[in-house]
Amino acid sequence: MRIELKFGKGTLSAEVPEENITEFIYPEELDGIEDVRGEVLRCISNPIDSAPLEELVKGKEKIAILVSDITRPCPTGVLLPPVLEVLKRAGVRRENVTIIFGLGTHRKHTEEEKRRIVGDEIYENYRCLDSDLNDVVNLGETSRGTPVEVFRPVAEADFIMCIGNIEFHYFAGYSGGVKPIVAGVGSKSAIEKNHMLMIEKGAEAGNLESPVRKDMEEFASIVGVDFILNVVLNSREEIVRVVAGDPVEAHREGAKTVDSMYKRRIREKSDVVLCSAGGYPNDINLYQVQKAIDNVKRAVRKEGTIVITAECPEGFGNEIFERWMTEHRYLEEFMRMSERVRREFTLGGHKAASLSMIMKHADIMLVTRMPEERVRRAFFEYAGDLQDALRQMFEKYGRDLRITVVPFARTTLCVE
């Protein structure tokens, strides 16, 4: 049987004996909505557990709309026009609206990137800002000790709206909802303190009770997030569901759609999980690929191997992540990363710690364009192509090895 998996902007293929394949795990995707504008207008006019957006914004003088940065797939340029149309109808003046790109710890946008996200007309007629980690206002502290520090224009707004997309997140449970208020426009201290909760029980993909998300939602209630507009996308990045309204309840409804499409129960744990991060841009660097590896970890048996196709033209993708992944001489030191992240939590280091926890259970092989020496320095196994990877797996486990194939690991969550 010939298997083809996405790799960068192309694919890799290999021949696999059909009798060795346990199962293929695919998402059960929905078709895209044809009239997106009409559906957005319907949802913000008939929101979940909330008054209509038009009513909520009347009389407001400082409206902050939080949107995703360039690294996220959210179709902001499609969602903003009907929102701004409703604001105008409610009597809100353009100069009272600020669109904020939630960068978190990511780099600043170029002017062209900002324009690409929101579209030319909106960029030229509305105030569009990158968030700034160093210009924050302190509004208190959550019960878990996270400082409620947010970008000044958000703290000073009298109406706050979050726009984003919902997918699985490896320790916040899901993206979307109020996540941007912490991870997008929170201070570096706020982000790090919140993300430290990733080592707590329940901080895992697909869990709405994740302590990370609960802390985010408490943080958002202190800041005063008023409304969300979230979408669920299929693998073609088409919008299949729109939800709007209460920052928590609307998000919960969207998460149900994510579960129905992407949460998949495995038949058995296999010797090998053969998967793809989904190609470009999801495999642009190892920092992004980590999410796909985390999604399939439950499908591999103890001492099995996760084999993932990931081009990674940008290498590790984060200096701190690379340092934490490569500075250990011995595997035993690397495996103690979860203890280290408790002592000295650092963004970037947290992803290295997550991978080390997976490697306590199973090996990870990268089929990649990264140099072999760099790959092995981080305690991964290496293959230059997919057929070579399979050859190595048959040598490792024998001719009766069992393989589970997950072509879209970036979005597919394997559960027992």
Protein backbone atom coordinates (compact mmCIF):
# COMPACT_ATOMS: atom_id res chain seq x y z
CA MET A 1 0.00 0.00 0.00
CA ARG A 2 1.32 3.45 -0.90
CA ILE A 3 1.03 6.12 1.81
CA GLU A 4 1.43 9.82 1.07
CA LEU A 5 1.90 12.43 3.80
CA LYS A 6 2.20 16.22 3.63
CA PHE A 7 5.71 17.61 3.94
CA GLY A 8 6.40 21.32 3.59
CA LYS A 9 4.65 22.50 0.44
CA GLY A 10 4.71 19.00 -1.04
CA THR A 11 4.37 15.39 0.07
CA LEU A 12 6.45 12.31 0.92
CA SER A 13 5.35 8.79 0.03
CA ALA A 14 6.34 5.23 0.87
CA GLU A 15 5.20 1.64 0.36
CA VAL A 16 3.83 -0.05 3.51
CA PRO A 17 2.58 -3.65 3.72
CA GLU A 18 -1.16 -3.42 4.25
CA GLU A 19 -1.12 -6.18 6.88
CA ASN A 20 1.06 -4.01 9.16
CA ILE A 21 -1.43 -1.13 9.30
CA THR A 22 -3.72 -1.12 12.33
CA GLU A 23 -5.82 1.83 11.20
CA PHE A 24 -5.89 5.20 9.50
CA ILE A 25 -7.16 7.98 11.74
CA TYR A 26 -8.77 10.86 9.85
CA PRO A 27 -10.83 13.79 11.04
CA GLU A 28 -14.53 13.73 10.15
CA GLU A 29 -14.68 17.17 8.68
CA LEU A 30 -17.63 19.37 7.85
CA ASP A 31 -17.98 21.35 4.64
CA GLY A 32 -17.34 25.07 4.71
CA ILE A 33 -20.18 27.54 5.22
CA GLU A 34 -21.16 29.17 1.93
CA ASP A 35 -22.44 32.50 3.27
CA VAL A 36 -19.88 33.35 5.96
CA ARG A 37 -20.85 37.01 6.20
CA GLY A 38 -24.51 36.11 6.69
CA GLU A 39 -23.66 33.52 9.35
CA VAL A 40 -21.42 35.94 11.26
CA LEU A 41 -24.18 38.57 11.23
CA ARG A 42 -26.71 36.00 12.41
CA CYS A 43 -24.48 34.85 15.28
CA ILE A 44 -23.56 38.31 16.58
CA SER A 45 -27.22 39.32 16.38
CA ASN A 46 -28.39 36.13 18.13
CA PRO A 47 -25.46 35.34 20.40
CA ILE A 48 -25.07 32.61 23.03
CA ASP A 49 -25.91 33.75 26.58
CA SER A 50 -25.46 37.41 25.67
CA ALA A 51 -27.29 40.45 24.39
CA PRO A 52 -26.72 41.20 20.68
CA LEU A 53 -23.44 42.91 19.85
CA GLU A 54 -25.27 45.97 18.50
CA GLU A 55 -26.92 46.55 21.87
CA LEU A 56 -23.75 45.96 23.89
CA VAL A 57 -21.63 48.53 22.04
CA LYS A 58 -24.08 51.43 22.08
CA GLY A 59 -22.57 54.39 23.90
CA LYS A 60 -19.11 52.82 24.14
CA GLU A 61 -16.19 55.14 23.42
CA LYS A 62 -13.14 52.87 23.57
CA ILE A 63 -13.68 49.52 21.86
CA ALA A 64 -10.79 47.07 21.69
CA ILE A 65 -11.05 44.18 19.24
CA LEU A 66 -8.39 41.51 19.80
CA VAL A 67 -7.38 39.49 16.74
CA SER A 68 -4.79 36.78 16.00
CA ASP A 69 -1.30 37.42 14.69
CA ILE A 70 0.12 36.22 11.38
CA THR A 71 1.08 32.77 12.76
CA ARG A 72 -2.55 31.74 13.29
CA PRO A 73 -5.00 30.49 10.64
CA CYS A 74 -7.96 32.61 11.82
CA PRO A 75 -9.59 34.35 8.80
CA THR A 76 -9.67 37.74 10.51
CA GLY A 77 -10.12 39.65 7.26
CA VAL A 78 -13.38 37.78 6.64
CA LEU A 79 -14.75 38.13 10.18
CA LEU A 80 -14.03 41.80 10.84
CA PRO A 81 -16.15 43.48 8.11
CA PRO A 82 -19.57 42.30 9.41
CA VAL A 83 -18.50 43.12 12.99
CA LEU A 84 -17.50 46.67 12.01
CA GLU A 85 -20.72 46.99 10.01
CA VAL A 86 -22.73 46.26 13.18
CA LEU A 87 -20.63 48.71 15.22
CA LYS A 88 -21.26 51.44 12.66
CA ARG A 89 -24.99 50.70 12.74
CA ALA A 90 -24.89 51.06 16.52
CA GLY A 91 -23.44 54.55 16.19
CA VAL A 92 -19.84 53.70 17.08
CA ARG A 93 -17.36 56.02 15.37
CA ARG A 94 -14.31 54.58 13.61
CA GLU A 95 -11.91 56.55 15.78
CA ASN A 96 -13.34 54.81 18.86
CA VAL A 97 -12.33 51.36 17.59
CA THR A 98 -8.84 49.87 18.00
CA ILE A 99 -7.94 46.56 16.38
CA ILE A 100 -5.14 44.87 18.33
CA PHE A 101 -2.97 42.05 17.03
CA GLY A 102 -2.25 39.80 20.03
CA LEU A 103 1.43 39.00 19.59
CA GLY A 104 2.21 37.56 23.00
CA THR A 105 5.94 36.81 22.83
CA HIS A 106 6.01 36.65 19.01
CA ARG A 107 7.86 39.20 16.87
CA LYS A 108 6.30 42.43 15.65
CA HIS A 109 4.41 42.42 12.35
CA THR A 110 5.55 44.20 9.26
CA GLU A 111 3.10 46.77 7.90
CA GLU A 112 2.40 44.43 5.00
CA GLU A 113 1.53 41.59 7.39
CA LYS A 114 -0.91 43.79 9.31
CA ARG A 115 -2.55 44.80 6.06
CA ARG A 116 -2.73 41.15 4.95
CA ILE A 117 -4.49 40.09 8.17
CA VAL A 118 -7.29 42.67 8.18
CA GLY A 119 -7.47 43.74 4.53
CA ASP A 120 -6.59 47.04 2.88
CA GLU A 121 -9.82 48.91 3.58
CA ILE A 122 -9.87 48.18 7.31
CA TYR A 123 -6.14 48.80 7.70
CA GLU A 124 -6.45 52.22 6.06
CA ASN A 125 -9.55 53.31 7.99
CA TYR A 126 -9.08 51.89 11.51
CA ARG A 127 -6.37 52.08 14.16
CA CYS A 128 -4.49 48.75 13.99
CA LEU A 129 -1.85 48.05 16.66
CA ASP A 130 0.57 45.31 17.60
CA SER A 131 0.41 44.49 21.31
CA ASP A 132 3.43 45.47 23.42
CA LEU A 133 4.65 43.32 26.33
CA ASN A 134 6.29 46.35 27.92
CA ASP A 135 3.28 48.69 27.91
CA VAL A 136 0.91 47.03 30.37
CA VAL A 137 -1.42 47.94 33.22
CA ASN A 138 -1.75 45.82 36.37
CA LEU A 139 -5.35 45.06 37.33
CA GLY A 140 -4.76 42.54 40.12
CA GLU A 141 -4.05 38.83 40.37
CA THR A 142 -5.91 35.58 39.74
CA SER A 143 -6.52 33.04 42.52
CA ARG A 144 -3.70 30.94 41.01
CA GLY A 145 -1.26 33.83 41.31
CA THR A 146 -1.17 35.06 37.70
CA PRO A 147 -0.62 38.84 37.55
CA VAL A 148 -3.45 40.43 35.59
CA GLU A 149 -1.27 42.67 33.44
CA VAL A 150 -2.56 43.62 29.99
CA PHE A 151 -1.65 45.88 27.11
CA ARG A 152 -2.66 49.45 28.04
CA PRO A 153 -5.19 50.06 25.19
CA VAL A 154 -7.02 46.90 26.31
CA ALA A 155 -7.02 47.87 29.98
CA GLU A 156 -8.36 51.33 29.10
CA ALA A 157 -11.14 50.08 26.81
CA ASP A 158 -14.78 50.14 27.89
CA PHE A 159 -15.67 47.23 25.59
CA ILE A 160 -13.40 44.25 24.80
CA MET A 161 -14.08 41.68 22.10
CA CYS A 162 -11.94 38.65 21.16
CA ILE A 163 -11.94 37.21 17.64
CA GLY A 164 -10.21 33.89 16.98
CA ASN A 165 -10.46 30.25 15.94
CA ILE A 166 -10.93 27.17 18.11
CA GLU A 167 -8.72 24.10 17.84
CA PHE A 168 -7.04 21.77 20.30
CA HIS A 169 -4.27 23.23 22.44
CA TYR A 170 -1.81 20.92 24.14
CA PHE A 171 -2.14 22.39 27.64
CA ALA A 172 -4.93 24.99 27.51
CA GLY A 173 -7.35 22.36 26.22
CA TYR A 174 -8.45 24.48 23.28
CA SER A 175 -7.43 27.71 21.63
CA GLY A 176 -9.93 30.52 21.17
CA GLY A 177 -12.34 31.99 23.67
CA VAL A 178 -10.49 34.32 26.03
CA LYS A 179 -7.06 32.79 25.43
CA PRO A 180 -5.87 35.94 23.54
CA ILE A 181 -6.39 38.13 26.60
CA VAL A 182 -3.52 36.30 28.33
CA ALA A 183 -1.40 34.75 25.58
CA GLY A 184 -1.96 37.62 23.15
CA VAL A 185 -2.05 40.89 25.13
CA GLY A 186 -0.87 39.82 28.59
CA SER A 187 2.55 40.74 29.97
CA LYS A 188 5.47 38.33 29.77
CA SER A 189 5.06 37.63 33.50
CA ALA A 190 1.35 36.93 33.04
CA ILE A 191 1.97 34.55 30.14
CA GLU A 192 4.71 32.67 31.97
CA LYS A 193 2.79 32.36 35.24
CA ASN A 194 -0.30 31.11 33.42
CA HIS A 195 1.67 28.70 31.24
CA MET A 196 3.45 27.26 34.30
CA LEU A 197 0.15 25.56 35.03
CA MET A 198 0.88 23.23 32.08
CA ILE A 199 2.59 20.87 34.53
CA GLU A 200 -0.58 20.52 36.62
CA LYS A 201 -2.99 17.61 36.31
CA GLY A 202 -5.57 18.09 33.57
CA ALA A 203 -3.51 20.52 31.50
CA GLU A 204 -3.97 18.65 28.24
CA ALA A 205 -5.53 18.90 24.81
CA GLY A 206 -9.30 18.50 24.64
CA ASN A 207 -9.94 19.26 28.33
CA LEU A 208 -12.12 22.30 28.99
CA GLU A 209 -11.31 21.99 32.69
CA SER A 210 -7.58 22.52 32.09
CA PRO A 211 -6.17 24.63 34.95
CA VAL A 212 -4.50 26.79 32.30
CA ARG A 213 -7.83 27.63 30.67
CA LYS A 214 -9.57 28.13 34.01
CA ASP A 215 -6.87 30.63 34.96
CA MET A 216 -7.27 32.37 31.59
CA GLU A 217 -11.01 32.69 32.09
CA GLU A 218 -10.58 34.11 35.59
CA PHE A 219 -7.99 36.55 34.20
CA ALA A 220 -10.46 37.59 31.48
CA SER A 221 -13.26 38.17 33.99
CA ILE A 222 -11.00 40.53 35.94
CA VAL A 223 -10.04 42.44 32.79
CA GLY A 224 -13.65 42.46 31.63
CA VAL A 225 -13.87 40.67 28.28
CA ASP A 226 -17.39 41.35 27.00
CA PHE A 227 -17.89 39.30 23.84
CA ILE A 228 -16.23 36.72 21.60
CA LEU A 229 -16.54 35.75 17.96
CA ASN A 230 -14.92 32.38 17.24
CA VAL A 231 -14.83 30.05 14.27
CA VAL A 232 -13.95 26.40 13.69
CA LEU A 233 -12.01 25.57 10.52
CA ASN A 234 -11.58 22.39 8.51
CA SER A 235 -8.23 21.24 7.04
CA ARG A 236 -8.86 23.43 3.98
CA GLU A 237 -9.17 26.39 6.38
CA GLU A 238 -12.82 26.86 5.50
CA ILE A 239 -15.15 28.08 8.24
CA VAL A 240 -17.50 25.27 9.29
CA ARG A 241 -18.95 26.79 12.49
CA VAL A 242 -19.37 30.30 13.87
CA VAL A 243 -20.10 31.01 17.54
CA ALA A 244 -20.52 34.34 19.27
CA GLY A 245 -21.55 35.76 22.62
CA ASP A 246 -20.56 35.01 26.20
CA PRO A 247 -16.75 34.52 26.42
CA VAL A 248 -17.11 31.13 28.14
CA GLU A 249 -20.42 29.66 26.99
CA ALA A 250 -19.99 30.52 23.30
CA HIS A 251 -16.51 28.99 23.38
CA ARG A 252 -17.92 25.79 24.88
CA GLU A 253 -20.32 25.44 21.97
CA GLY A 254 -17.51 25.86 19.47
CA ALA A 255 -15.40 23.27 21.30
CA LYS A 256 -18.19 20.71 20.79
CA THR A 257 -17.79 21.09 17.03
CA VAL A 258 -14.00 20.69 17.31
CA ASP A 259 -14.55 17.46 19.28
CA SER A 260 -17.01 16.06 16.76
CA MET A 261 -14.58 16.66 13.89
CA TYR A 262 -11.15 16.05 15.37
CA LYS A 263 -11.28 13.99 18.59
CA ARG A 264 -10.76 10.38 17.51
CA ARG A 265 -10.78 7.21 19.62
CA ILE A 266 -8.00 4.72 18.82
CA ARG A 267 -8.58 0.97 18.40
CA GLU A 268 -5.31 0.03 20.08
CA LYS A 269 -1.88 1.43 20.91
CA SER A 270 0.55 0.66 18.10
CA ASP A 271 4.29 0.05 17.88
CA VAL A 272 4.57 2.96 15.47
CA VAL A 273 2.45 6.05 14.85
CA LEU A 274 3.17 7.36 11.37
CA CYS A 275 1.95 10.93 11.06
CA SER A 276 2.34 14.34 9.43
CA ALA A 277 2.27 17.78 11.02
CA GLY A 278 0.16 18.79 8.03
CA GLY A 279 2.74 20.43 5.79
CA TYR A 280 3.44 24.17 5.46
CA PRO A 281 3.03 26.33 7.55
CA ASN A 282 2.41 23.77 10.32
CA ASP A 283 5.85 22.20 9.82
CA ILE A 284 7.79 25.42 9.28
CA ASN A 285 9.80 24.69 12.43
CA LEU A 286 10.01 22.18 15.25
CA TYR A 287 8.45 24.66 17.68
CA GLN A 288 5.18 24.37 15.73
CA VAL A 289 5.52 20.62 15.05
CA GLN A 290 5.53 19.87 18.78
CA LYS A 291 1.73 20.35 18.84
CA ALA A 292 1.20 17.54 16.33
CA ILE A 293 3.46 15.19 18.26
CA ASP A 294 1.51 15.88 21.43
CA ASN A 295 -1.81 15.12 19.70
CA VAL A 296 -0.82 11.54 18.77
CA LYS A 297 1.08 10.51 21.93
CA ARG A 298 -1.81 8.37 23.25
CA ALA A 299 -1.83 6.23 20.09
CA VAL A 300 1.67 4.80 20.60
CA ARG A 301 2.51 1.99 23.03
CA LYS A 302 5.14 2.16 25.75
CA GLU A 303 8.60 2.06 24.09
CA GLY A 304 7.00 2.54 20.67
CA THR A 305 7.95 5.29 18.20
CA ILE A 306 6.18 8.35 16.80
CA VAL A 307 7.42 8.95 13.23
CA ILE A 308 6.48 12.42 11.98
CA THR A 309 7.09 14.06 8.60
CA ALA A 310 8.10 17.67 9.21
CA GLU A 311 10.27 19.67 6.82
CA CYS A 312 11.26 22.36 9.40
CA PRO A 313 13.07 24.80 7.05
CA GLU A 314 13.43 27.20 10.00
CA GLY A 315 14.95 24.52 12.22
CA PHE A 316 13.94 24.65 15.86
CA GLY A 317 12.19 28.01 15.41
CA ASN A 318 12.95 29.43 18.86
CA GLU A 319 16.34 30.06 20.48
CA ILE A 320 15.33 29.12 24.02
CA PHE A 321 13.54 25.99 22.80
CA GLU A 322 16.63 24.97 20.81
CA ARG A 323 18.94 25.55 23.77
CA TRP A 324 16.79 23.50 26.13
CA MET A 325 16.52 20.71 23.54
CA THR A 326 20.23 20.49 22.71
CA GLU A 327 22.29 21.51 25.74
CA HIS A 328 22.18 18.12 27.51
CA ARG A 329 24.98 15.60 27.02
CA TYR A 330 23.02 12.63 28.32
CA LEU A 331 19.46 11.43 27.78
CA GLU A 332 18.97 11.07 31.56
CA GLU A 333 19.53 14.82 31.97
CA PHE A 334 17.13 15.57 29.13
CA MET A 335 14.42 13.42 30.73
CA ARG A 336 14.54 15.56 33.90
CA MET A 337 13.29 18.59 31.98
CA SER A 338 9.87 18.52 33.69
CA GLU A 339 11.62 19.07 37.03
CA ARG A 340 13.60 21.95 35.56
CA VAL A 341 10.54 23.70 34.15
CA ARG A 342 9.01 23.69 37.63
CA ARG A 343 12.09 25.47 38.99
CA GLU A 344 12.70 27.94 36.16
CA PHE A 345 9.74 28.20 33.82
CA THR A 346 10.71 29.86 30.53
CA LEU A 347 8.67 30.29 27.36
CA GLY A 348 10.29 28.08 24.75
CA GLY A 349 11.68 25.84 27.47
CA HIS A 350 8.12 24.76 28.22
CA LYS A 351 7.82 23.07 24.81
CA ALA A 352 11.10 21.24 25.34
CA ALA A 353 9.78 19.99 28.68
CA SER A 354 6.59 18.77 26.99
CA LEU A 355 8.58 16.77 24.44
CA SER A 356 10.81 15.28 27.13
CA MET A 357 7.71 14.01 28.96
CA ILE A 358 6.54 12.27 25.76
CA MET A 359 10.01 10.75 25.28
CA LYS A 360 9.78 9.09 28.69
CA HIS A 361 7.04 6.98 27.12
CA ALA A 362 8.11 6.60 23.48
CA ASP A 363 10.80 7.52 20.96
CA ILE A 364 10.27 10.24 18.35
CA MET A 365 11.69 10.06 14.82
CA LEU A 366 11.80 13.12 12.57
CA VAL A 367 11.58 12.72 8.80
CA THR A 368 12.95 16.15 8.03
CA ARG A 369 15.26 18.43 6.08
CA MET A 370 16.95 19.51 9.31
CA PRO A 371 20.61 18.39 9.53
CA GLU A 372 20.86 14.92 11.06
CA GLU A 373 23.40 16.07 13.67
CA ARG A 374 21.04 18.74 15.01
CA VAL A 375 18.15 16.28 15.14
CA ARG A 376 20.10 13.65 17.05
CA ARG A 377 21.56 16.30 19.36
CA ALA A 378 18.00 16.80 20.61
CA PHE A 379 17.58 13.03 21.22
CA PHE A 380 15.29 12.45 18.23
CA GLU A 381 15.77 9.57 15.83
CA TYR A 382 16.34 10.68 12.23
CA ALA A 383 15.32 9.69 8.70
CA GLY A 384 15.91 11.57 5.47
CA ASP A 385 12.82 10.16 3.73
CA LEU A 386 9.69 8.23 4.60
CA GLN A 387 10.76 4.90 3.10
CA ASP A 388 13.98 5.00 5.12
CA ALA A 389 11.96 5.70 8.27
CA LEU A 390 9.81 2.63 7.67
CA ARG A 391 12.88 0.49 6.97
CA GLN A 392 14.30 1.54 10.34
CA MET A 393 11.01 0.76 12.09
CA PHE A 394 10.87 -2.77 10.65
CA GLU A 395 14.45 -3.32 11.81
CA LYS A 396 13.55 -2.03 15.26
CA TYR A 397 10.27 -3.92 15.85
CA GLY A 398 10.33 -6.81 13.39
CA ARG A 399 8.14 -7.74 10.46
CA ASP A 400 4.96 -7.96 12.57
CA LEU A 401 5.09 -4.34 13.71
CA ARG A 402 1.76 -2.54 14.03
CA ILE A 403 1.36 0.93 12.49
CA THR A 404 -1.29 3.59 13.08
CA VAL A 405 -1.37 6.32 10.41
CA VAL A 406 -2.49 9.87 11.30
CA PRO A 407 -2.19 12.11 8.20
CA PHE A 408 -3.36 15.32 9.91
CA ALA A 409 -1.78 15.17 13.36
CA ARG A 410 -1.81 18.95 13.80
CA THR A 411 -5.60 18.89 14.21
CA THR A 412 -6.45 15.25 15.03
CA LEU A 413 -6.46 14.39 18.74
CA CYS A 414 -6.05 10.67 19.45
CA VAL A 415 -7.81 9.50 22.63
CA GLU A 416 -8.21 6.13 24.30
